[in-house]
Amino acid sequence: MRVRAFAPAAGVVEDPVTGSANGCIGAFIAKHGLLPARDGEIRYVAEQGIEMGQPGRVHVRVSGGPEAPVARVGGQAVTVLRGELLLPDG
């Protein structure tokens, strides 16, 4: 499955790879029965970021059935930014 996530109102033109979007998509797929479950679970791999030159893959598993889906996302990641946020006292 190929996924793209846009959130310009939040200052994100396009997110290259996002677990939260893929988890929501997995729950939507389960709720509407868009993919078959095997052993009580829907499993698939989502590709994201390809169009923007930052390809990634997210492994998605959804259990719990259509009325109460539980989505799990995972994969490998690399740190691209590290820092500290300093807030004023008060």
Protein backbone atom coordinates (compact mmCIF):
# COMPACT_ATOMS: atom_id res chain seq x y z
CA MET A 1 0.00 0.00 0.00
CA ARG A 2 1.30 3.49 -0.77
CA VAL A 3 0.48 6.25 1.72
CA ARG A 4 0.91 10.02 1.66
CA ALA A 5 0.23 12.30 4.63
CA PHE A 6 -0.37 16.04 4.29
CA ALA A 7 -1.01 18.43 7.20
CA PRO A 8 -0.40 21.98 5.94
CA ALA A 9 -2.53 23.54 8.70
CA ALA A 10 -0.07 22.07 11.22
CA GLY A 11 2.92 23.35 9.25
CA VAL A 12 3.69 19.95 7.67
CA VAL A 13 3.58 20.15 3.89
CA GLU A 14 4.08 16.36 3.64
CA ASP A 15 5.28 13.89 6.26
CA PRO A 16 7.71 11.39 4.71
CA VAL A 17 6.83 8.49 7.04
CA THR A 18 4.35 8.67 9.90
CA GLY A 19 3.16 6.00 12.31
CA SER A 20 0.11 7.94 13.47
CA ALA A 21 -1.31 8.30 9.95
CA ASN A 22 -0.63 4.65 9.17
CA GLY A 23 -2.28 3.53 12.42
CA CYS A 24 -5.41 5.52 11.57
CA ILE A 25 -5.47 4.10 8.05
CA GLY A 26 -5.14 0.57 9.47
CA ALA A 27 -8.09 1.14 11.82
CA PHE A 28 -10.15 2.52 8.91
CA ILE A 29 -9.31 -0.53 6.79
CA ALA A 30 -10.37 -2.86 9.62
CA LYS A 31 -13.58 -0.96 10.37
CA HIS A 32 -14.71 -1.11 6.75
CA GLY A 33 -13.42 -4.61 5.99
CA LEU A 34 -11.17 -3.45 3.14
CA LEU A 35 -8.56 -6.18 3.69
CA PRO A 36 -9.12 -9.74 4.90
CA ALA A 37 -8.02 -10.73 8.39
CA ARG A 38 -5.88 -13.79 8.93
CA ASP A 39 -5.78 -15.37 12.39
CA GLY A 40 -7.86 -12.43 13.66
CA GLU A 41 -5.44 -9.80 12.42
CA ILE A 42 -4.98 -7.60 9.34
CA ARG A 43 -1.33 -7.22 8.32
CA TYR A 44 0.27 -5.20 5.57
CA VAL A 45 3.27 -3.04 4.74
CA ALA A 46 2.75 0.61 3.82
CA GLU A 47 5.27 2.54 1.72
CA GLN A 48 5.49 6.27 2.28
CA GLY A 49 7.76 9.17 1.32
CA ILE A 50 8.68 7.80 -2.09
CA GLU A 51 7.32 10.79 -4.03
CA MET A 52 9.39 13.20 -1.92
CA GLY A 53 12.63 11.21 -2.15
CA GLN A 54 12.52 9.93 1.45
CA PRO A 55 11.23 6.37 1.09
CA GLY A 56 10.17 4.38 4.12
CA ARG A 57 8.15 1.33 5.05
CA VAL A 58 5.77 0.87 7.97
CA HIS A 59 4.55 -2.54 9.11
CA VAL A 60 0.90 -2.33 10.20
CA ARG A 61 -1.07 -4.90 12.22
CA VAL A 62 -4.69 -4.40 13.25
CA SER A 63 -6.58 -6.69 15.62
CA GLY A 64 -9.73 -6.35 17.70
CA GLY A 65 -12.28 -6.47 14.89
CA PRO A 66 -14.20 -3.75 13.06
CA GLU A 67 -15.97 -2.28 16.10
CA ALA A 68 -12.86 -1.86 18.27
CA PRO A 69 -9.75 -1.98 16.08
CA VAL A 70 -6.34 -1.91 17.76
CA ALA A 71 -3.60 -0.74 15.38
CA ARG A 72 0.08 -1.41 15.85
CA VAL A 73 2.74 0.13 13.64
CA GLY A 74 6.44 -0.53 13.51
CA GLY A 75 9.54 -0.68 11.44
CA GLN A 76 13.11 0.52 11.48
CA ALA A 77 14.01 4.16 12.02
CA VAL A 78 17.01 6.44 11.93
CA THR A 79 17.55 9.63 13.90
CA VAL A 80 17.65 12.61 11.55
CA LEU A 81 17.48 15.37 14.16
CA ARG A 82 18.40 15.62 17.80
CA GLY A 83 18.14 18.62 20.05
CA GLU A 84 16.82 20.29 23.17
CA LEU A 85 13.87 22.58 23.71
CA LEU A 86 14.46 25.23 26.36
CA LEU A 87 11.40 26.98 27.74
CA PRO A 88 11.42 30.06 29.93
CA ASP A 89 10.49 29.56 33.60
CA GLY A 90 7.13 30.58 34.59
